[in-house]
């Protein structure tokens, strides 16, 4: 009985984690859309890129942790995506890119993969 309860707690905890991840990624999408509307030099862009940096730095730390229970290949793919996101955000910050579309598209795809809707 106790092992069954423990399995339920782990499953609930995993679902809660996915929901939290979905919510922070949804927030980044809203911020990136606002940044796209206001322009790459706007306060909205600065805030969105800062939020994205913090978010992906935390996610990358978690994905690199050997205790992460995701399959190794999925973790590696997400790490590659995270590195691309951080580089693209830096490119926007430095004026090398002015487009937020790629960041938004990737974020929406990840959100969908976590079980969330596009918007």
N, C-alpha and C. Protein backbone atom coordinates (compact mmCIF):
# COMPACT_ATOMS: atom_id res chain seq x y z
N UNK A 1 0.81 -1.19 0.00
CA UNK A 1 0.00 0.00 0.00
C UNK A 1 0.86 1.26 0.00
N UNK A 2 1.92 1.30 0.81
CA UNK A 2 2.73 2.51 0.88
C UNK A 2 3.50 2.75 -0.41
N UNK A 3 3.96 1.70 -1.08
CA UNK A 3 4.68 1.90 -2.34
C UNK A 3 3.74 2.44 -3.42
N UNK A 4 2.49 2.03 -3.38
CA UNK A 4 1.50 2.54 -4.32
C UNK A 4 1.26 4.03 -4.06
N UNK A 5 1.16 4.40 -2.79
CA UNK A 5 0.98 5.80 -2.43
C UNK A 5 2.18 6.63 -2.87
N UNK A 6 3.38 6.11 -2.66
CA UNK A 6 4.60 6.80 -3.06
C UNK A 6 4.61 7.02 -4.56
N UNK A 7 4.22 6.02 -5.33
CA UNK A 7 4.16 6.15 -6.80
C UNK A 7 3.17 7.24 -7.20
N UNK A 8 2.02 7.32 -6.50
CA UNK A 8 1.04 8.37 -6.79
C UNK A 8 1.61 9.76 -6.49
N UNK A 9 2.34 9.87 -5.37
CA UNK A 9 2.95 11.15 -5.00
C UNK A 9 3.97 11.57 -6.05
N UNK A 10 4.79 10.62 -6.50
CA UNK A 10 5.78 10.93 -7.54
C UNK A 10 5.10 11.37 -8.82
N UNK A 11 4.02 10.69 -9.20
CA UNK A 11 3.30 11.05 -10.41
C UNK A 11 2.69 12.44 -10.28
N UNK A 12 2.08 12.73 -9.13
CA UNK A 12 1.51 14.06 -8.90
C UNK A 12 2.59 15.11 -8.92
N UNK A 13 3.71 14.81 -8.31
CA UNK A 13 4.82 15.76 -8.26
C UNK A 13 5.32 16.05 -9.67
N UNK A 14 5.41 15.04 -10.50
CA UNK A 14 5.85 15.21 -11.88
C UNK A 14 4.85 16.06 -12.65
N UNK A 15 3.56 15.80 -12.44
CA UNK A 15 2.53 16.58 -13.12
C UNK A 15 2.57 18.03 -12.65
N UNK A 16 2.78 18.25 -11.36
CA UNK A 16 2.90 19.61 -10.83
C UNK A 16 4.11 20.32 -11.43
N UNK A 17 5.21 19.62 -11.56
CA UNK A 17 6.42 20.20 -12.14
C UNK A 17 6.19 20.61 -13.59
N UNK A 18 5.55 19.73 -14.36
CA UNK A 18 5.25 20.05 -15.75
C UNK A 18 4.34 21.27 -15.84
N UNK A 19 3.36 21.35 -14.94
CA UNK A 19 2.46 22.50 -14.95
C UNK A 19 3.21 23.79 -14.63
N UNK A 20 4.10 23.76 -13.66
CA UNK A 20 4.90 24.94 -13.33
C UNK A 20 5.78 25.33 -14.51
N UNK A 21 6.40 24.34 -15.15
CA UNK A 21 7.24 24.62 -16.31
C UNK A 21 6.41 25.23 -17.44
N UNK A 22 5.21 24.68 -17.65
CA UNK A 22 4.31 25.22 -18.67
C UNK A 22 4.00 26.69 -18.38
N UNK A 23 3.70 26.99 -17.14
CA UNK A 23 3.32 28.35 -16.77
C UNK A 23 4.46 29.34 -16.98
N UNK A 24 5.68 28.99 -16.60
CA UNK A 24 6.79 29.93 -16.79
C UNK A 24 7.14 30.09 -18.26
N UNK A 25 6.98 29.03 -19.03
CA UNK A 25 7.23 29.14 -20.47
C UNK A 25 6.13 29.96 -21.13
N UNK A 26 4.88 29.77 -20.71
CA UNK A 26 3.78 30.60 -21.22
C UNK A 26 4.06 32.07 -20.92
N UNK A 27 4.54 32.35 -19.74
CA UNK A 27 4.86 33.74 -19.38
C UNK A 27 5.94 34.29 -20.31
N UNK A 28 6.95 33.47 -20.61
CA UNK A 28 8.00 33.93 -21.52
C UNK A 28 7.43 34.21 -22.91
N UNK A 29 6.47 33.42 -23.35
CA UNK A 29 5.85 33.63 -24.67
C UNK A 29 5.10 34.96 -24.70
N UNK A 30 4.34 35.24 -23.65
CA UNK A 30 3.63 36.52 -23.57
C UNK A 30 4.62 37.67 -23.60
N UNK A 31 5.69 37.55 -22.83
CA UNK A 31 6.70 38.62 -22.79
C UNK A 31 7.39 38.79 -24.14
N UNK A 32 7.70 37.68 -24.80
CA UNK A 32 8.35 37.75 -26.11
C UNK A 32 7.42 38.36 -27.16
N UNK A 33 6.13 38.04 -27.10
CA UNK A 33 5.17 38.65 -28.02
C UNK A 33 5.09 40.15 -27.80
N UNK A 34 5.07 40.57 -26.54
CA UNK A 34 5.07 42.00 -26.23
C UNK A 34 6.34 42.67 -26.75
N UNK A 35 7.47 41.99 -26.58
CA UNK A 35 8.75 42.53 -27.06
C UNK A 35 8.74 42.66 -28.57
N UNK A 36 8.18 41.68 -29.25
CA UNK A 36 8.11 41.73 -30.72
C UNK A 36 7.27 42.94 -31.17
N UNK A 37 6.17 43.19 -30.47
CA UNK A 37 5.31 44.33 -30.81
C UNK A 37 6.01 45.67 -30.56
N UNK A 38 6.76 45.77 -29.49
CA UNK A 38 7.37 47.04 -29.09
C UNK A 38 8.74 47.28 -29.74
N UNK A 39 9.39 46.22 -30.19
CA UNK A 39 10.68 46.37 -30.85
C UNK A 39 11.84 45.88 -29.99
N UNK A 40 12.93 45.53 -30.67
CA UNK A 40 14.06 44.88 -29.99
C UNK A 40 14.83 45.81 -29.05
N UNK A 41 14.62 47.12 -29.14
CA UNK A 41 15.29 48.05 -28.23
C UNK A 41 14.38 48.52 -27.10
N UNK A 42 13.19 47.97 -27.00
CA UNK A 42 12.21 48.42 -26.01
C UNK A 42 12.47 47.84 -24.62
N UNK A 43 11.85 48.44 -23.64
CA UNK A 43 11.93 47.92 -22.27
C UNK A 43 11.34 46.52 -22.20
N UNK A 44 10.27 46.28 -22.98
CA UNK A 44 9.65 44.97 -23.03
C UNK A 44 10.63 43.91 -23.54
N UNK A 45 11.44 44.28 -24.52
CA UNK A 45 12.44 43.34 -25.05
C UNK A 45 13.50 43.04 -24.00
N UNK A 46 13.95 44.07 -23.32
CA UNK A 46 14.96 43.87 -22.27
C UNK A 46 14.41 42.94 -21.19
N UNK A 47 13.19 43.20 -20.75
CA UNK A 47 12.57 42.37 -19.71
C UNK A 47 12.37 40.93 -20.18
N UNK A 48 11.88 40.77 -21.41
CA UNK A 48 11.63 39.43 -21.94
C UNK A 48 12.92 38.63 -22.08
N UNK A 49 13.97 39.27 -22.58
CA UNK A 49 15.23 38.56 -22.76
C UNK A 49 15.89 38.23 -21.42
N UNK A 50 15.75 39.12 -20.45
CA UNK A 50 16.28 38.84 -19.11
C UNK A 50 15.53 37.65 -18.49
N UNK A 51 14.21 37.66 -18.60
CA UNK A 51 13.40 36.57 -18.07
C UNK A 51 13.78 35.25 -18.75
N UNK A 52 13.92 35.30 -20.06
CA UNK A 52 14.29 34.11 -20.83
C UNK A 52 15.65 33.57 -20.39
N UNK A 53 16.61 34.46 -20.19
CA UNK A 53 17.94 34.05 -19.70
C UNK A 53 17.85 33.35 -18.36
N UNK A 54 17.13 33.94 -17.44
CA UNK A 54 16.99 33.34 -16.10
C UNK A 54 16.30 31.99 -16.19
N UNK A 55 15.21 31.94 -16.95
CA UNK A 55 14.45 30.71 -17.10
C UNK A 55 15.31 29.58 -17.67
N UNK A 56 15.99 29.84 -18.79
CA UNK A 56 16.77 28.80 -19.43
C UNK A 56 18.04 28.46 -18.68
N UNK A 57 18.58 29.38 -17.94
CA UNK A 57 19.73 29.06 -17.09
C UNK A 57 19.32 28.05 -16.02
N UNK A 58 18.15 28.27 -15.43
CA UNK A 58 17.64 27.32 -14.43
C UNK A 58 17.31 25.97 -15.06
N UNK A 59 16.64 26.01 -16.21
CA UNK A 59 16.29 24.75 -16.88
C UNK A 59 17.53 23.97 -17.29
N UNK A 60 18.53 24.67 -17.81
CA UNK A 60 19.76 23.99 -18.22
C UNK A 60 20.48 23.37 -17.02
N UNK A 61 20.50 24.07 -15.90
CA UNK A 61 21.09 23.50 -14.69
C UNK A 61 20.39 22.21 -14.30
N UNK A 62 19.05 22.24 -14.35
CA UNK A 62 18.28 21.05 -14.00
C UNK A 62 18.50 19.93 -15.00
N UNK A 63 18.52 20.26 -16.28
CA UNK A 63 18.71 19.24 -17.32
C UNK A 63 20.10 18.61 -17.24
N UNK A 64 21.09 19.36 -16.82
CA UNK A 64 22.46 18.84 -16.73
C UNK A 64 22.67 17.99 -15.48
N UNK A 65 21.76 18.06 -14.55
CA UNK A 65 21.87 17.31 -13.31
C UNK A 65 21.61 15.82 -13.57
N UNK A 66 22.53 15.00 -13.12
CA UNK A 66 22.38 13.54 -13.33
C UNK A 66 21.14 12.97 -12.64
N UNK A 67 20.62 13.68 -11.65
CA UNK A 67 19.41 13.23 -10.95
C UNK A 67 18.14 13.50 -11.74
N UNK A 68 18.25 14.23 -12.84
CA UNK A 68 17.08 14.52 -13.68
C UNK A 68 16.58 13.20 -14.26
N UNK A 69 15.28 12.95 -14.14
CA UNK A 69 14.72 11.66 -14.53
C UNK A 69 14.29 11.58 -16.00
N UNK A 70 14.47 12.65 -16.75
CA UNK A 70 14.15 12.57 -18.18
C UNK A 70 15.16 11.65 -18.87
N UNK A 71 14.74 11.01 -19.95
CA UNK A 71 15.69 10.19 -20.71
C UNK A 71 16.88 11.04 -21.18
N UNK A 72 18.05 10.42 -21.16
CA UNK A 72 19.29 11.13 -21.47
C UNK A 72 19.24 11.82 -22.84
N UNK A 73 18.68 11.15 -23.86
CA UNK A 73 18.61 11.74 -25.20
C UNK A 73 17.71 12.96 -25.24
N UNK A 74 16.59 12.91 -24.51
CA UNK A 74 15.68 14.05 -24.45
C UNK A 74 16.34 15.21 -23.72
N UNK A 75 17.03 14.90 -22.64
CA UNK A 75 17.76 15.95 -21.90
C UNK A 75 18.79 16.61 -22.81
N UNK A 76 19.53 15.81 -23.57
CA UNK A 76 20.55 16.36 -24.48
C UNK A 76 19.90 17.27 -25.53
N UNK A 77 18.77 16.85 -26.07
CA UNK A 77 18.07 17.67 -27.06
C UNK A 77 17.60 18.99 -26.45
N UNK A 78 17.04 18.92 -25.25
CA UNK A 78 16.58 20.13 -24.59
C UNK A 78 17.74 21.06 -24.22
N UNK A 79 18.85 20.48 -23.86
CA UNK A 79 20.04 21.29 -23.57
C UNK A 79 20.48 22.02 -24.84
N UNK A 80 20.49 21.33 -25.97
CA UNK A 80 20.85 21.97 -27.24
C UNK A 80 19.88 23.10 -27.58
N UNK A 81 18.61 22.87 -27.38
CA UNK A 81 17.61 23.91 -27.63
C UNK A 81 17.83 25.09 -26.69
N UNK A 82 18.08 24.80 -25.42
CA UNK A 82 18.32 25.87 -24.45
C UNK A 82 19.52 26.72 -24.80
N UNK A 83 20.58 26.07 -25.24
CA UNK A 83 21.78 26.81 -25.65
C UNK A 83 21.46 27.69 -26.86
N UNK A 84 20.71 27.16 -27.82
CA UNK A 84 20.31 27.96 -28.97
C UNK A 84 19.48 29.17 -28.53
N UNK A 85 18.54 28.95 -27.62
CA UNK A 85 17.69 30.04 -27.14
C UNK A 85 18.54 31.13 -26.49
N UNK A 86 19.48 30.74 -25.64
CA UNK A 86 20.34 31.72 -24.98
C UNK A 86 21.19 32.48 -26.00
N UNK A 87 21.70 31.80 -27.01
CA UNK A 87 22.51 32.46 -28.05
C UNK A 87 21.66 33.41 -28.89
N UNK A 88 20.45 32.99 -29.22
CA UNK A 88 19.56 33.83 -30.02
C UNK A 88 19.16 35.07 -29.22
N UNK A 89 18.89 34.90 -27.95
CA UNK A 89 18.55 36.04 -27.09
C UNK A 89 19.72 37.02 -27.04
N UNK A 90 20.92 36.49 -26.93
CA UNK A 90 22.12 37.34 -26.91
C UNK A 90 22.29 38.07 -28.24
N UNK A 91 21.99 37.39 -29.32
CA UNK A 91 22.08 38.01 -30.64
C UNK A 91 21.10 39.18 -30.77
N UNK A 92 19.91 39.01 -30.24
CA UNK A 92 18.93 40.09 -30.27
C UNK A 92 19.44 41.26 -29.42
N UNK A 93 19.95 40.94 -28.26
CA UNK A 93 20.48 41.98 -27.36
C UNK A 93 21.61 42.77 -28.01
N UNK A 94 22.46 42.09 -28.76
CA UNK A 94 23.62 42.72 -29.40
C UNK A 94 23.31 43.34 -30.75
N UNK A 95 22.06 43.23 -31.20
CA UNK A 95 21.68 43.82 -32.48
C UNK A 95 21.96 42.94 -33.67
N UNK A 96 22.44 41.74 -33.47
CA UNK A 96 22.70 40.81 -34.57
C UNK A 96 21.44 40.22 -35.15
N UNK A 97 20.37 40.26 -34.37
CA UNK A 97 19.07 39.77 -34.81
C UNK A 97 18.02 40.68 -34.21
N UNK A 98 16.94 40.85 -34.91
CA UNK A 98 15.85 41.67 -34.39
C UNK A 98 14.56 40.87 -34.29
N UNK A 99 14.64 39.59 -34.62
CA UNK A 99 13.44 38.77 -34.66
C UNK A 99 13.23 37.92 -33.42
N UNK A 100 12.02 37.97 -32.92
CA UNK A 100 11.63 37.18 -31.76
C UNK A 100 10.87 35.92 -32.18
N UNK A 101 10.57 35.80 -33.48
CA UNK A 101 9.72 34.70 -33.95
C UNK A 101 10.28 33.32 -33.62
N UNK A 102 11.56 33.12 -33.84
CA UNK A 102 12.16 31.81 -33.56
C UNK A 102 12.05 31.45 -32.08
N UNK A 103 12.32 32.42 -31.21
CA UNK A 103 12.22 32.17 -29.77
C UNK A 103 10.78 31.85 -29.37
N UNK A 104 9.83 32.56 -29.97
CA UNK A 104 8.42 32.32 -29.67
C UNK A 104 8.01 30.95 -30.18
N UNK A 105 8.37 30.61 -31.41
CA UNK A 105 7.99 29.32 -32.00
C UNK A 105 8.53 28.15 -31.17
N UNK A 106 9.80 28.22 -30.82
CA UNK A 106 10.40 27.13 -30.03
C UNK A 106 9.73 27.03 -28.67
N UNK A 107 9.49 28.17 -28.04
CA UNK A 107 8.85 28.17 -26.72
C UNK A 107 7.44 27.59 -26.79
N UNK A 108 6.70 27.93 -27.84
CA UNK A 108 5.35 27.37 -28.00
C UNK A 108 5.40 25.86 -28.21
N UNK A 109 6.37 25.39 -28.99
CA UNK A 109 6.51 23.96 -29.23
C UNK A 109 6.84 23.22 -27.93
N UNK A 110 7.72 23.79 -27.12
CA UNK A 110 8.07 23.16 -25.84
C UNK A 110 6.86 23.15 -24.92
N UNK A 111 6.14 24.25 -24.90
CA UNK A 111 4.93 24.33 -24.07
C UNK A 111 3.92 23.27 -24.48
N UNK A 112 3.73 23.09 -25.77
CA UNK A 112 2.83 22.05 -26.26
C UNK A 112 3.33 20.67 -25.84
N UNK A 113 4.63 20.46 -25.90
CA UNK A 113 5.21 19.18 -25.50
C UNK A 113 4.99 18.88 -24.02
N UNK A 114 4.85 19.92 -23.23
CA UNK A 114 4.58 19.75 -21.81
C UNK A 114 3.09 19.55 -21.55
N UNK A 115 2.31 19.58 -22.63
CA UNK A 115 0.88 19.35 -22.49
C UNK A 115 0.05 20.60 -22.48
N UNK A 116 0.68 21.73 -22.80
CA UNK A 116 -0.05 23.00 -22.79
C UNK A 116 -0.48 23.39 -24.18
N UNK A 117 -1.38 24.35 -24.22
CA UNK A 117 -1.81 24.85 -25.51
C UNK A 117 -0.84 25.90 -26.02
N UNK A 118 -1.01 26.28 -27.25
CA UNK A 118 -0.09 27.23 -27.88
C UNK A 118 -0.13 28.59 -27.20
N UNK A 119 -1.25 29.06 -26.80
CA UNK A 119 -1.35 30.39 -26.17
C UNK A 119 -2.18 30.32 -24.92
